[in-house]
Amino acid sequence: MTWFRWWHKHARIWFSPKSPEQATKWTKKLSAIYVFFAWNALGLLYFKYQSEGKKLQLTPEQRTGLSKGQQEALERGDQKAKIIRIDGFNISVLDPPVTKLETGLNKEALKN
């Protein structure tokens, strides 16, 4: 029962009618916060869209013999990636990803 009294007391304070000045002040603050997050979300979507176009897609022939980590490192262009495979209590370090030339990719495919 005491919880209900506590909740009722605070609900009356939080949801009581506000003065027009205070309502205007909170409206301005909340709209500024909304604009900030909306602008950042648009920027995030823009950069996500831009990075999707530059992603290198491997053909199935190029994927054969590569682990998922090596495929991801190759698509990102990271030649210094260290790939660690954990299988239960066994930990093994895989070979570094193969170079793009070894997979048969030419320079024209990398530019697009």
N, C-alpha and C. Protein backbone atom coordinates (compact mmCIF):
# COMPACT_ATOMS: atom_id res chain seq x y z
N MET A 1 0.82 -1.20 0.00
CA MET A 1 0.00 0.00 0.00
C MET A 1 0.87 1.27 0.00
N THR A 2 2.01 1.17 0.64
CA THR A 2 2.88 2.36 0.67
C THR A 2 3.43 2.67 -0.72
N TRP A 3 3.63 1.62 -1.53
CA TRP A 3 4.12 1.84 -2.89
C TRP A 3 3.09 2.64 -3.69
N PHE A 4 1.82 2.31 -3.48
CA PHE A 4 0.76 3.01 -4.20
C PHE A 4 0.74 4.49 -3.79
N ARG A 5 0.92 4.77 -2.50
CA ARG A 5 0.95 6.17 -2.05
C ARG A 5 2.13 6.91 -2.68
N TRP A 6 3.29 6.24 -2.71
CA TRP A 6 4.46 6.86 -3.30
C TRP A 6 4.22 7.16 -4.77
N TRP A 7 3.69 6.19 -5.49
CA TRP A 7 3.43 6.36 -6.91
C TRP A 7 2.39 7.46 -7.15
N HIS A 8 1.35 7.47 -6.35
CA HIS A 8 0.28 8.46 -6.52
C HIS A 8 0.82 9.88 -6.26
N LYS A 9 1.66 10.01 -5.23
CA LYS A 9 2.25 11.32 -4.90
C LYS A 9 3.13 11.83 -6.05
N HIS A 10 3.99 10.98 -6.57
CA HIS A 10 4.90 11.39 -7.64
C HIS A 10 4.17 11.56 -8.98
N ALA A 11 3.17 10.76 -9.22
CA ALA A 11 2.40 10.91 -10.45
C ALA A 11 1.68 12.25 -10.47
N ARG A 12 1.18 12.69 -9.33
CA ARG A 12 0.51 13.99 -9.27
C ARG A 12 1.50 15.12 -9.53
N ILE A 13 2.74 14.96 -9.05
CA ILE A 13 3.75 15.99 -9.28
C ILE A 13 4.17 16.00 -10.75
N TRP A 14 4.45 14.82 -11.32
CA TRP A 14 4.95 14.74 -12.69
C TRP A 14 3.91 15.14 -13.73
N PHE A 15 2.66 14.76 -13.49
CA PHE A 15 1.63 14.95 -14.50
C PHE A 15 0.67 16.09 -14.19
N SER A 16 1.01 16.94 -13.26
CA SER A 16 0.16 18.09 -12.95
C SER A 16 0.27 19.11 -14.08
N PRO A 17 -0.73 19.96 -14.25
CA PRO A 17 -0.66 20.96 -15.32
C PRO A 17 0.54 21.90 -15.10
N LYS A 18 1.21 22.21 -16.17
CA LYS A 18 2.39 23.07 -16.12
C LYS A 18 2.03 24.48 -16.59
N SER A 19 2.86 25.41 -16.21
CA SER A 19 2.64 26.79 -16.66
C SER A 19 3.02 26.89 -18.14
N PRO A 20 2.45 27.83 -18.86
CA PRO A 20 2.78 27.96 -20.29
C PRO A 20 4.27 28.24 -20.53
N GLU A 21 4.90 29.00 -19.63
CA GLU A 21 6.33 29.28 -19.81
C GLU A 21 7.15 28.00 -19.68
N GLN A 22 6.82 27.20 -18.70
CA GLN A 22 7.56 25.94 -18.50
C GLN A 22 7.29 24.98 -19.65
N ALA A 23 6.06 24.93 -20.13
CA ALA A 23 5.74 24.06 -21.27
C ALA A 23 6.50 24.49 -22.53
N THR A 24 6.61 25.80 -22.74
CA THR A 24 7.36 26.30 -23.90
C THR A 24 8.84 25.95 -23.78
N LYS A 25 9.38 26.10 -22.56
CA LYS A 25 10.79 25.78 -22.34
C LYS A 25 11.06 24.30 -22.63
N TRP A 26 10.21 23.41 -22.15
CA TRP A 26 10.42 21.98 -22.38
C TRP A 26 10.19 21.60 -23.83
N THR A 27 9.27 22.28 -24.50
CA THR A 27 9.05 22.02 -25.92
C THR A 27 10.29 22.37 -26.72
N LYS A 28 10.92 23.50 -26.41
CA LYS A 28 12.15 23.89 -27.12
C LYS A 28 13.28 22.91 -26.85
N LYS A 29 13.43 22.49 -25.59
CA LYS A 29 14.50 21.54 -25.25
C LYS A 29 14.28 20.21 -25.97
N LEU A 30 13.07 19.70 -25.92
CA LEU A 30 12.80 18.40 -26.54
C LEU A 30 12.92 18.47 -28.06
N SER A 31 12.52 19.58 -28.65
CA SER A 31 12.65 19.69 -30.11
C SER A 31 14.12 19.77 -30.51
N ALA A 32 14.96 20.43 -29.71
CA ALA A 32 16.40 20.47 -30.01
C ALA A 32 17.01 19.08 -29.90
N ILE A 33 16.62 18.32 -28.89
CA ILE A 33 17.12 16.95 -28.73
C ILE A 33 16.66 16.09 -29.92
N TYR A 34 15.42 16.25 -30.32
CA TYR A 34 14.89 15.49 -31.45
C TYR A 34 15.66 15.81 -32.73
N VAL A 35 15.92 17.09 -32.98
CA VAL A 35 16.66 17.49 -34.18
C VAL A 35 18.07 16.91 -34.14
N PHE A 36 18.72 16.93 -32.99
CA PHE A 36 20.06 16.38 -32.86
C PHE A 36 20.09 14.90 -33.22
N PHE A 37 19.19 14.11 -32.65
CA PHE A 37 19.18 12.67 -32.93
C PHE A 37 18.74 12.37 -34.36
N ALA A 38 17.80 13.14 -34.90
CA ALA A 38 17.36 12.91 -36.27
C ALA A 38 18.49 13.22 -37.26
N TRP A 39 19.24 14.29 -37.02
CA TRP A 39 20.36 14.65 -37.90
C TRP A 39 21.43 13.58 -37.86
N ASN A 40 21.75 13.07 -36.67
CA ASN A 40 22.75 12.01 -36.57
C ASN A 40 22.26 10.72 -37.22
N ALA A 41 20.98 10.43 -37.13
CA ALA A 41 20.44 9.23 -37.78
C ALA A 41 20.53 9.36 -39.30
N LEU A 42 20.25 10.53 -39.82
CA LEU A 42 20.38 10.73 -41.26
C LEU A 42 21.83 10.59 -41.70
N GLY A 43 22.75 11.13 -40.94
CA GLY A 43 24.17 10.99 -41.27
C GLY A 43 24.61 9.54 -41.24
N LEU A 44 24.14 8.80 -40.24
CA LEU A 44 24.47 7.38 -40.14
C LEU A 44 23.93 6.60 -41.34
N LEU A 45 22.71 6.88 -41.74
CA LEU A 45 22.14 6.21 -42.91
C LEU A 45 22.90 6.57 -44.18
N TYR A 46 23.32 7.82 -44.31
CA TYR A 46 24.07 8.25 -45.48
C TYR A 46 25.41 7.50 -45.58
N PHE A 47 26.15 7.45 -44.48
CA PHE A 47 27.44 6.77 -44.51
C PHE A 47 27.28 5.27 -44.67
N LYS A 48 26.22 4.70 -44.12
CA LYS A 48 25.94 3.28 -44.32
C LYS A 48 25.66 3.00 -45.80
N TYR A 49 24.89 3.89 -46.43
CA TYR A 49 24.59 3.74 -47.84
C TYR A 49 25.85 3.87 -48.69
N GLN A 50 26.71 4.83 -48.34
CA GLN A 50 27.94 5.04 -49.10
C GLN A 50 28.89 3.86 -48.96
N SER A 51 28.98 3.29 -47.77
CA SER A 51 29.92 2.18 -47.56
C SER A 51 29.42 0.89 -48.22
N GLU A 52 28.12 0.74 -48.41
CA GLU A 52 27.60 -0.45 -49.08
C GLU A 52 28.04 -0.50 -50.53
N GLY A 53 28.13 0.65 -51.20
CA GLY A 53 28.53 0.68 -52.59
C GLY A 53 29.98 0.32 -52.79
N LYS A 54 30.82 0.56 -51.80
CA LYS A 54 32.24 0.29 -51.93
C LYS A 54 32.61 -1.12 -51.48
N LYS A 55 31.66 -1.87 -50.95
CA LYS A 55 31.97 -3.20 -50.44
C LYS A 55 32.30 -4.15 -51.58
N LEU A 56 33.36 -4.88 -51.43
CA LEU A 56 33.82 -5.80 -52.45
C LEU A 56 33.07 -7.12 -52.29
N GLN A 57 32.41 -7.56 -53.33
CA GLN A 57 31.66 -8.81 -53.28
C GLN A 57 32.49 -9.93 -53.91
N LEU A 58 32.66 -10.99 -53.16
CA LEU A 58 33.42 -12.14 -53.66
C LEU A 58 32.48 -13.11 -54.36
N THR A 59 32.97 -13.71 -55.42
CA THR A 59 32.19 -14.73 -56.12
C THR A 59 32.33 -16.06 -55.37
N PRO A 60 31.42 -17.00 -55.58
CA PRO A 60 31.52 -18.29 -54.89
C PRO A 60 32.84 -19.02 -55.15
N GLU A 61 33.42 -18.84 -56.36
CA GLU A 61 34.70 -19.49 -56.64
C GLU A 61 35.81 -18.91 -55.77
N GLN A 62 35.74 -17.62 -55.47
CA GLN A 62 36.75 -16.99 -54.65
C GLN A 62 36.57 -17.30 -53.17
N ARG A 63 35.35 -17.68 -52.77
CA ARG A 63 35.08 -17.98 -51.37
C ARG A 63 35.50 -19.38 -50.96
N THR A 64 35.68 -20.26 -51.90
CA THR A 64 36.02 -21.64 -51.55
C THR A 64 37.38 -21.70 -50.87
N GLY A 65 37.43 -22.43 -49.79
CA GLY A 65 38.67 -22.59 -49.05
C GLY A 65 38.96 -21.48 -48.05
N LEU A 66 38.13 -20.44 -48.02
CA LEU A 66 38.34 -19.35 -47.07
C LEU A 66 37.35 -19.47 -45.92
N SER A 67 37.83 -19.16 -44.73
CA SER A 67 36.90 -19.13 -43.59
C SER A 67 36.10 -17.84 -43.64
N LYS A 68 35.07 -17.77 -42.81
CA LYS A 68 34.24 -16.56 -42.79
C LYS A 68 35.06 -15.34 -42.38
N GLY A 69 35.97 -15.50 -41.44
CA GLY A 69 36.82 -14.39 -41.03
C GLY A 69 37.73 -13.93 -42.13
N GLN A 70 38.29 -14.87 -42.90
CA GLN A 70 39.15 -14.49 -44.01
C GLN A 70 38.36 -13.80 -45.11
N GLN A 71 37.13 -14.26 -45.35
CA GLN A 71 36.29 -13.60 -46.35
C GLN A 71 35.99 -12.16 -45.94
N GLU A 72 35.65 -11.97 -44.68
CA GLU A 72 35.33 -10.62 -44.20
C GLU A 72 36.56 -9.72 -44.28
N ALA A 73 37.72 -10.23 -43.88
CA ALA A 73 38.95 -9.43 -43.94
C ALA A 73 39.30 -9.10 -45.38
N LEU A 74 39.07 -10.02 -46.29
CA LEU A 74 39.37 -9.78 -47.70
C LEU A 74 38.42 -8.73 -48.27
N GLU A 75 37.14 -8.79 -47.91
CA GLU A 75 36.18 -7.82 -48.41
C GLU A 75 36.47 -6.43 -47.87
N ARG A 76 36.97 -6.35 -46.64
CA ARG A 76 37.30 -5.05 -46.06
C ARG A 76 38.65 -4.54 -46.53
N GLY A 77 39.47 -5.40 -47.11
CA GLY A 77 40.78 -5.00 -47.57
C GLY A 77 41.82 -4.96 -46.47
N ASP A 78 41.58 -5.66 -45.37
CA ASP A 78 42.50 -5.67 -44.24
C ASP A 78 43.44 -6.85 -44.37
N GLN A 79 44.70 -6.58 -44.72
CA GLN A 79 45.67 -7.65 -44.92
C GLN A 79 46.39 -8.02 -43.63
N LYS A 80 46.26 -7.21 -42.59
CA LYS A 80 46.95 -7.48 -41.33
C LYS A 80 46.01 -8.06 -40.29
N ALA A 81 44.89 -8.57 -40.72
CA ALA A 81 43.91 -9.12 -39.78
C ALA A 81 44.44 -10.39 -39.14
N LYS A 82 44.18 -10.55 -37.86
CA LYS A 82 44.56 -11.75 -37.14
C LYS A 82 43.27 -12.49 -36.82
N ILE A 83 43.10 -13.66 -37.39
CA ILE A 83 41.86 -14.41 -37.25
C ILE A 83 42.09 -15.51 -36.24
N ILE A 84 41.30 -15.49 -35.18
CA ILE A 84 41.41 -16.47 -34.11
C ILE A 84 40.13 -17.29 -34.10
N ARG A 85 40.25 -18.60 -34.18
CA ARG A 85 39.10 -19.50 -34.15
C ARG A 85 39.04 -20.16 -32.78
N ILE A 86 37.88 -20.06 -32.13
CA ILE A 86 37.67 -20.69 -30.83
C ILE A 86 36.62 -21.76 -31.01
N ASP A 87 37.01 -22.99 -30.74
CA ASP A 87 36.10 -24.13 -30.86
C ASP A 87 36.14 -24.88 -29.53
N GLY A 88 35.16 -24.59 -28.68
CA GLY A 88 35.18 -25.18 -27.34
C GLY A 88 36.33 -24.62 -26.54
N PHE A 89 37.23 -25.50 -26.10
CA PHE A 89 38.41 -25.05 -25.36
C PHE A 89 39.64 -24.96 -26.26
N ASN A 90 39.48 -25.23 -27.54
CA ASN A 90 40.59 -25.16 -28.48
C ASN A 90 40.64 -23.77 -29.13
N ILE A 91 41.81 -23.17 -29.10
CA ILE A 91 42.01 -21.87 -29.72
C ILE A 91 43.09 -22.02 -30.78
N SER A 92 42.76 -21.60 -32.01
CA SER A 92 43.74 -21.70 -33.09
C SER A 92 43.77 -20.39 -33.87
N VAL A 93 44.94 -20.03 -34.33
CA VAL A 93 45.11 -18.82 -35.14
C VAL A 93 45.20 -19.26 -36.60
N LEU A 94 44.33 -18.70 -37.43
CA LEU A 94 44.30 -19.05 -38.84
C LEU A 94 45.35 -18.25 -39.60
N ASP A 95 45.66 -18.71 -40.79
CA ASP A 95 46.58 -17.98 -41.65
C ASP A 95 46.01 -16.61 -41.96
N PRO A 96 46.88 -15.64 -42.21
CA PRO A 96 46.36 -14.33 -42.59
C PRO A 96 45.57 -14.45 -43.88
N PRO A 97 44.65 -13.53 -44.12
CA PRO A 97 43.84 -13.62 -45.33
C PRO A 97 44.71 -13.53 -46.58
N VAL A 98 44.28 -14.21 -47.59
CA VAL A 98 45.02 -14.20 -48.85
C VAL A 98 44.91 -12.82 -49.48
N THR A 99 45.86 -12.51 -50.32
CA THR A 99 45.81 -11.21 -50.98
C THR A 99 44.75 -11.21 -52.06
N LYS A 100 44.37 -10.04 -52.49
CA LYS A 100 43.33 -9.92 -53.51
C LYS A 100 43.80 -10.47 -54.85
N LEU A 101 45.09 -10.39 -55.12
CA LEU A 101 45.59 -10.90 -56.40
C LEU A 101 45.55 -12.42 -56.44
N GLU A 102 45.72 -13.08 -55.29
CA GLU A 102 45.68 -14.53 -55.27
C GLU A 102 44.27 -15.07 -55.51
N THR A 103 43.24 -14.28 -55.21
CA THR A 103 41.88 -14.73 -55.42
C THR A 103 41.40 -14.46 -56.84
N GLY A 104 42.23 -13.81 -57.66
CA GLY A 104 41.84 -13.57 -59.05
C GLY A 104 41.14 -12.25 -59.26
N LEU A 105 41.17 -11.35 -58.27
CA LEU A 105 40.53 -10.05 -58.44
C LEU A 105 41.51 -9.10 -59.11
N ASN A 106 41.04 -8.37 -60.08
CA ASN A 106 41.93 -7.42 -60.75
C ASN A 106 41.68 -6.01 -60.22
N LYS A 107 42.50 -5.09 -60.63
CA LYS A 107 42.42 -3.72 -60.11
C LYS A 107 41.13 -3.03 -60.52
N GLU A 108 40.58 -3.36 -61.69
CA GLU A 108 39.34 -2.73 -62.13
C GLU A 108 38.17 -3.12 -61.21
N ALA A 109 38.16 -4.36 -60.74
CA ALA A 109 37.09 -4.80 -59.85
C ALA A 109 37.20 -4.10 -58.51
N LEU A 110 38.41 -3.76 -58.08
CA LEU A 110 38.60 -3.10 -56.80
C LEU A 110 38.20 -1.64 -56.84
N LYS A 111 38.30 -1.00 -58.00
CA LYS A 111 37.95 0.41 -58.11
C LYS A 111 36.45 0.61 -58.08
N ASN A 112 35.68 -0.33 -58.55
CA ASN A 112 34.22 -0.20 -58.61
C ASN A 112 33.61 -0.45 -57.31
